[in-house]
């Protein structure tokens, strides 16, 4: 897509969102930061969920200053910790406010082999399982907030890397053979499968909640800090030509969160604000179901209806 086309996307005008509430994970920097800023500019009450208090508070300060919206706040949420996720949800529930938009944006990429607090491989545990648990714990609030004319929305950020991902149901933790690229791609494929399964369940339940997955494209963010030095040099030399800016990368997440064109539309993969076909295996409903069941076991939630903290 041409740079001019990307600029047109980022300049689209969306309806004001006064009275609506959103949560954005990883909203202190990169794509997440610009997602929060744009939603705040539209009048939303936005909660930035992140694991760095000082970084998060500084992002809130800057966004409030730039958008003149006082309803932007930070709440601590470490997606690599099931305990932290549950504490975040408890804090959010204590506010007694609705939830109209959940943007599952945070993630890590190509990290060396290491585990989360709960013993999960980090790509799978943080990128996928953390968001799986967070979404499920917030699902009842989303259901209560959505209406027939205005559905609540779950937007999950995946990546084109999912096209080369393979889901190893018998080795989701990559214990047999660890590859940073393979683990990252698997986590991004899992997010697509999760989104389609969630939409299926919401439709079957008659809930006014939609779930879509977005591909931000190749974006110049800090996610590339773990690549080798040679790749970093090439990235530095070519970023201006081939990479989107974080603001451009956020455009599809924003579109999925507030565009009237997507009212009531769920279960789709979006790239540059266009419906795009995801990898063939992502449409395997049996694989979606099996991953969901296994994820429930891993996060210790019994089923879709289980919301106990």
Protein backbone atom coordinates (compact mmCIF):
# COMPACT_ATOMS: atom_id res chain seq x y z
CA UNK A 1 0.00 0.00 0.00
CA UNK A 2 1.26 3.44 -0.92
CA UNK A 3 2.28 5.93 1.80
CA UNK A 4 -0.47 8.33 0.63
CA UNK A 5 -3.08 5.58 1.11
CA UNK A 6 -1.83 4.93 4.63
CA UNK A 7 -2.08 8.62 5.43
CA UNK A 8 -5.67 8.65 4.16
CA UNK A 9 -6.51 5.77 6.49
CA UNK A 10 -5.00 7.52 9.52
CA UNK A 11 -6.94 10.70 8.70
CA UNK A 12 -10.36 9.05 8.53
CA UNK A 13 -13.02 10.71 10.62
CA UNK A 14 -14.91 8.47 13.03
CA UNK A 15 -17.96 9.20 15.19
CA UNK A 16 -17.38 10.62 18.65
CA UNK A 17 -17.31 8.01 21.41
CA UNK A 18 -18.42 10.07 24.41
CA UNK A 19 -19.59 7.80 27.23
CA UNK A 20 -17.87 4.70 25.86
CA UNK A 21 -15.12 2.88 27.74
CA UNK A 22 -12.12 1.06 26.28
CA UNK A 23 -9.22 -0.98 27.62
CA UNK A 24 -6.02 -1.16 25.55
CA UNK A 25 -3.22 -3.51 26.59
CA UNK A 26 0.32 -2.34 25.92
CA UNK A 27 -0.94 1.20 25.49
CA UNK A 28 2.15 3.02 26.78
CA UNK A 29 4.12 2.91 23.55
CA UNK A 30 4.09 1.97 19.89
CA UNK A 31 0.84 0.94 18.23
CA UNK A 32 -0.95 0.77 21.57
CA UNK A 33 -0.03 4.35 22.48
CA UNK A 34 -1.47 5.72 19.24
CA UNK A 35 -4.55 3.55 19.62
CA UNK A 36 -5.18 4.99 23.09
CA UNK A 37 -4.52 8.54 21.88
CA UNK A 38 -6.95 8.30 18.97
CA UNK A 39 -9.72 6.72 21.05
CA UNK A 40 -9.21 9.41 23.69
CA UNK A 41 -9.40 12.07 21.00
CA UNK A 42 -12.81 10.66 20.04
CA UNK A 43 -13.98 11.18 23.62
CA UNK A 44 -13.63 7.68 25.01
CA UNK A 45 -12.74 6.88 28.60
CA UNK A 46 -9.60 4.81 27.95
CA UNK A 47 -7.81 2.57 30.41
CA UNK A 48 -4.23 1.86 29.48
CA UNK A 49 -3.20 -1.57 30.77
CA UNK A 50 0.53 -2.15 31.15
CA UNK A 51 3.27 -3.57 33.35
CA UNK A 52 5.43 -0.45 33.75
CA UNK A 53 3.90 2.11 36.13
CA UNK A 54 6.20 5.05 35.32
CA UNK A 55 6.02 4.47 31.57
CA UNK A 56 2.25 4.11 31.74
CA UNK A 57 1.70 7.25 33.81
CA UNK A 58 3.93 9.27 31.48
CA UNK A 59 1.92 8.03 28.48
CA UNK A 60 -1.32 9.02 30.25
CA UNK A 61 0.07 12.49 30.99
CA UNK A 62 1.07 13.06 27.35
CA UNK A 63 -2.20 11.75 25.94
CA UNK A 64 -4.29 13.88 28.29
CA UNK A 65 -2.24 16.91 27.27
CA UNK A 66 -2.56 16.21 23.55
CA UNK A 67 -6.23 15.23 23.49
CA UNK A 68 -7.62 17.42 26.29
CA UNK A 69 -9.44 14.33 27.54
CA UNK A 70 -9.17 13.82 31.28
CA UNK A 71 -10.66 10.32 31.14
CA UNK A 72 -7.44 8.47 30.37
CA UNK A 73 -5.89 6.35 33.11
CA UNK A 74 -3.33 3.66 33.76
CA UNK A 75 -3.92 0.36 35.54
CA UNK A 76 -1.18 -2.17 36.16
CA UNK A 77 -1.56 -5.46 34.28
CA UNK A 78 1.29 -7.87 33.65
CA UNK A 79 0.07 -10.28 30.95
CA UNK A 80 2.84 -12.69 31.89
CA UNK A 81 1.15 -13.21 35.27
CA UNK A 82 -2.28 -14.79 35.74
CA UNK A 83 -2.41 -13.29 39.23
CA UNK A 84 -1.75 -9.80 37.88
CA UNK A 85 -4.44 -10.19 35.20
CA UNK A 86 -7.00 -11.23 37.80
CA UNK A 87 -6.03 -8.29 40.03
CA UNK A 88 -6.40 -5.92 37.07
CA UNK A 89 -9.90 -7.22 36.37
CA UNK A 90 -10.83 -6.82 40.05
CA UNK A 91 -9.62 -3.20 39.95
CA UNK A 92 -11.54 -2.52 36.78
CA UNK A 93 -14.73 -4.07 38.14
CA UNK A 94 -14.45 -1.93 41.25
CA UNK A 95 -14.93 1.12 39.05
CA UNK A 96 -18.45 -0.10 38.18
CA UNK A 97 -18.18 1.16 34.65
CA UNK A 98 -19.18 -0.53 31.37
CA UNK A 99 -16.72 -1.82 28.77
CA UNK A 100 -17.44 -1.21 25.11
CA UNK A 101 -14.05 -1.91 23.52
CA UNK A 102 -11.22 -4.25 24.48
CA UNK A 103 -8.06 -4.01 22.39
CA UNK A 104 -5.70 -6.95 22.96
CA UNK A 105 -2.60 -5.21 21.68
CA UNK A 106 0.40 -6.00 23.92
CA UNK A 107 3.01 -8.54 22.94
CA UNK A 108 6.63 -9.66 22.79
CA UNK A 109 8.55 -10.83 19.74
CA UNK A 110 11.54 -13.10 19.20
CA UNK A 111 12.55 -13.20 22.85
CA UNK A 112 15.08 -15.84 23.98
CA UNK A 113 13.62 -18.97 25.54
CA UNK A 114 12.15 -18.09 28.92
CA UNK A 115 9.02 -18.63 30.96
CA UNK A 116 6.28 -16.48 32.42
CA UNK A 117 5.54 -16.34 36.14
CA UNK A 118 3.16 -19.28 35.65
CA UNK A 119 5.69 -21.40 33.75
CA UNK A 120 4.43 -20.83 30.19
CA UNK A 121 6.71 -20.18 27.22
CA UNK A 122 6.73 -16.37 27.04
CA UNK A 123 5.38 -15.82 23.51
CA UNK A 124 2.49 -18.22 24.08
CA UNK A 125 1.93 -17.20 27.69
CA UNK A 126 1.98 -13.41 27.27
CA UNK A 127 0.86 -12.84 23.67
CA UNK A 128 -1.89 -15.44 23.69
CA UNK A 129 -2.82 -16.94 27.08
CA UNK A 130 -2.66 -13.59 28.88
CA UNK A 131 -5.14 -12.08 26.45
CA UNK A 132 -7.26 -15.24 26.46
CA UNK A 133 -7.68 -15.01 30.23
CA UNK A 134 -8.16 -11.23 30.25
CA UNK A 135 -10.88 -11.40 27.59
CA UNK A 136 -12.73 -14.21 29.34
CA UNK A 137 -12.67 -12.44 32.70
CA UNK A 138 -14.04 -9.27 31.08
CA UNK A 139 -16.56 -11.03 28.86
CA UNK A 140 -19.54 -10.66 31.18
CA UNK A 141 -18.97 -6.90 31.38
CA UNK A 142 -18.66 -6.70 27.60
CA UNK A 143 -21.92 -8.64 27.20
CA UNK A 144 -23.70 -6.31 29.61
CA UNK A 145 -22.35 -3.24 27.80
CA UNK A 146 -23.21 -4.26 24.24
CA UNK A 147 -26.62 -3.54 22.77
CA UNK A 148 -28.45 -4.57 19.62
CA UNK A 149 -27.69 -1.23 17.98
CA UNK A 150 -24.16 -0.91 19.35
CA UNK A 151 -22.23 -4.09 20.00
CA UNK A 152 -19.28 -4.23 22.37
CA UNK A 153 -16.09 -5.08 20.47
CA UNK A 154 -13.03 -7.23 21.11
CA UNK A 155 -10.10 -6.39 18.84
CA UNK A 156 -7.06 -8.63 18.92
CA UNK A 157 -3.78 -7.71 17.25
CA UNK A 158 -2.14 -10.58 15.39
CA UNK A 159 0.45 -10.44 12.62
CA UNK A 160 1.13 -11.68 9.09
CA UNK A 161 3.58 -14.03 10.82
CA UNK A 162 0.55 -16.18 11.66
CA UNK A 163 0.56 -17.36 8.02
CA UNK A 164 3.71 -19.39 8.68
CA UNK A 165 2.70 -20.41 12.20
CA UNK A 166 2.01 -23.98 13.24
CA UNK A 167 -0.05 -24.85 16.28
CA UNK A 168 1.48 -27.76 18.19
CA UNK A 169 -1.35 -28.81 20.50
CA UNK A 170 0.85 -31.47 22.04
CA UNK A 171 3.70 -29.00 22.63
CA UNK A 172 2.24 -25.51 23.01
CA UNK A 173 5.19 -24.55 25.24
CA UNK A 174 7.77 -25.36 22.52
CA UNK A 175 9.61 -27.69 24.92
CA UNK A 176 10.69 -30.17 22.23
CA UNK A 177 12.40 -27.66 19.98
CA UNK A 178 12.47 -23.94 20.75
CA UNK A 179 12.69 -21.37 17.99
CA UNK A 180 11.91 -17.69 18.71
CA UNK A 181 10.41 -17.32 15.24
CA UNK A 182 8.34 -20.49 15.55
CA UNK A 183 7.10 -19.62 19.05
CA UNK A 184 6.15 -16.08 18.00
CA UNK A 185 4.33 -17.30 14.88
CA UNK A 186 2.45 -19.92 16.90
CA UNK A 187 1.25 -17.29 19.39
CA UNK A 188 -0.04 -15.10 16.57
CA UNK A 189 -1.85 -18.01 14.92
CA UNK A 190 -3.39 -18.89 18.29
CA UNK A 191 -4.79 -15.35 18.53
CA UNK A 192 -6.55 -15.74 15.18
CA UNK A 193 -8.03 -19.12 16.15
CA UNK A 194 -9.12 -17.64 19.49
CA UNK A 195 -10.86 -14.71 17.82
CA UNK A 196 -12.86 -16.92 15.46
CA UNK A 197 -13.88 -19.26 18.28
CA UNK A 198 -14.89 -16.32 20.48
CA UNK A 199 -17.09 -14.92 17.71
CA UNK A 200 -18.70 -18.33 17.24
CA UNK A 201 -19.50 -18.53 20.95
CA UNK A 202 -20.86 -14.98 21.09
CA UNK A 203 -23.11 -15.62 18.10
CA UNK A 204 -24.38 -18.89 19.56
CA UNK A 205 -25.03 -17.13 22.86
CA UNK A 206 -26.93 -14.29 21.22
CA UNK A 207 -24.59 -11.79 22.86
CA UNK A 208 -24.08 -8.29 21.47
CA UNK A 209 -20.31 -8.67 21.33
CA UNK A 210 -18.17 -8.93 18.21
CA UNK A 211 -14.61 -10.23 17.94
CA UNK A 212 -12.22 -9.34 15.13
CA UNK A 213 -8.51 -9.75 14.55
CA UNK A 214 -6.24 -7.13 12.99
CA UNK A 215 -2.88 -7.22 11.24
CA UNK A 216 -1.05 -3.89 11.71
CA UNK A 217 1.52 -4.64 9.02
CA UNK A 218 5.27 -4.21 9.39
CA UNK A 219 5.61 -1.41 11.92
CA UNK A 220 8.71 0.37 13.21
CA UNK A 221 8.36 -0.34 16.95
CA UNK A 222 10.47 -1.60 19.85
CA UNK A 223 9.29 -5.16 19.16
CA UNK A 224 12.36 -5.52 16.94
CA UNK A 225 14.79 -5.00 19.82
CA UNK A 226 15.44 -8.76 20.05
CA UNK A 227 16.48 -9.31 16.41
CA UNK A 228 20.15 -9.84 15.53
CA UNK A 229 22.43 -6.83 14.94
CA UNK A 230 22.54 -7.34 11.15
CA UNK A 231 18.74 -7.22 10.95
CA UNK A 232 18.73 -4.11 13.13
CA UNK A 233 21.12 -2.40 10.70
CA UNK A 234 18.95 -3.30 7.71
CA UNK A 235 15.85 -2.14 9.60
CA UNK A 236 17.51 1.18 10.46
CA UNK A 237 18.45 1.73 6.81
CA UNK A 238 15.08 0.79 5.30
CA UNK A 239 12.49 1.65 7.96
CA UNK A 240 11.55 4.95 6.31
CA UNK A 241 10.73 3.12 3.06
CA UNK A 242 9.20 -0.22 4.07
CA UNK A 243 7.99 0.17 7.66
CA UNK A 244 4.82 1.87 8.83
CA UNK A 245 5.05 4.37 11.64
CA UNK A 246 3.38 3.29 14.93
CA UNK A 247 0.56 5.74 14.20
CA UNK A 248 -0.05 4.14 10.80
CA UNK A 249 0.17 0.71 12.40
CA UNK A 250 -2.59 1.65 14.84
CA UNK A 251 -5.04 2.66 12.12
CA UNK A 252 -6.64 -0.76 11.64
CA UNK A 253 -7.08 -1.30 15.38
CA UNK A 254 -8.83 2.07 15.60
CA UNK A 255 -10.97 1.26 12.58
CA UNK A 256 -12.01 -2.07 14.12
CA UNK A 257 -12.80 -0.38 17.43
CA UNK A 258 -15.06 2.44 16.23
CA UNK A 259 -15.96 2.24 12.55
CA UNK A 260 -19.73 2.18 11.88
CA UNK A 261 -18.95 -0.08 8.90
CA UNK A 262 -18.15 -2.90 11.31
CA UNK A 263 -21.21 -2.55 13.53
CA UNK A 264 -22.41 -6.09 14.25
CA UNK A 265 -19.65 -7.61 12.12
CA UNK A 266 -17.38 -10.18 13.72
CA UNK A 267 -15.09 -13.08 12.99
CA UNK A 268 -13.01 -11.32 10.34
CA UNK A 269 -9.31 -10.65 9.74
CA UNK A 270 -8.47 -7.05 8.87
CA UNK A 271 -5.39 -5.64 7.15
CA UNK A 272 -5.22 -1.97 6.16
CA UNK A 273 -8.90 -1.72 7.10
CA UNK A 274 -9.81 -4.37 4.53
CA UNK A 275 -11.23 -7.83 5.14
CA UNK A 276 -8.50 -10.29 4.32
CA UNK A 277 -8.30 -14.08 4.30
CA UNK A 278 -6.22 -15.48 7.13
CA UNK A 279 -4.31 -18.74 6.81
CA UNK A 280 -6.44 -21.76 5.87
CA UNK A 281 -5.83 -23.64 9.12
CA UNK A 282 -7.27 -20.74 11.14
CA UNK A 283 -10.74 -21.62 9.83
CA UNK A 284 -10.53 -25.18 11.21
CA UNK A 285 -13.39 -25.12 13.74
CA UNK A 286 -12.24 -28.30 15.45
CA UNK A 287 -8.77 -26.81 15.99
CA UNK A 288 -10.37 -23.61 17.31
CA UNK A 289 -12.43 -25.65 19.76
CA UNK A 290 -9.51 -27.80 20.92
CA UNK A 291 -7.27 -24.77 21.49
CA UNK A 292 -10.03 -23.04 23.46
CA UNK A 293 -10.56 -26.10 25.66
CA UNK A 294 -6.84 -26.48 26.32
CA UNK A 295 -6.54 -22.76 27.06
CA UNK A 296 -9.34 -22.97 29.62
CA UNK A 297 -7.41 -25.73 31.38
CA UNK A 298 -4.17 -23.75 31.34
CA UNK A 299 -5.79 -20.60 32.73
CA UNK A 300 -7.99 -22.54 35.16
CA UNK A 301 -11.35 -21.34 33.86
CA UNK A 302 -13.84 -24.12 33.38
CA UNK A 303 -15.75 -22.81 30.36
CA UNK A 304 -17.08 -19.69 28.65
CA UNK A 305 -19.51 -19.11 31.50
CA UNK A 306 -16.90 -19.35 34.23
CA UNK A 307 -15.94 -15.89 35.48
CA UNK A 308 -14.95 -16.53 39.07
CA UNK A 309 -11.84 -14.73 40.22
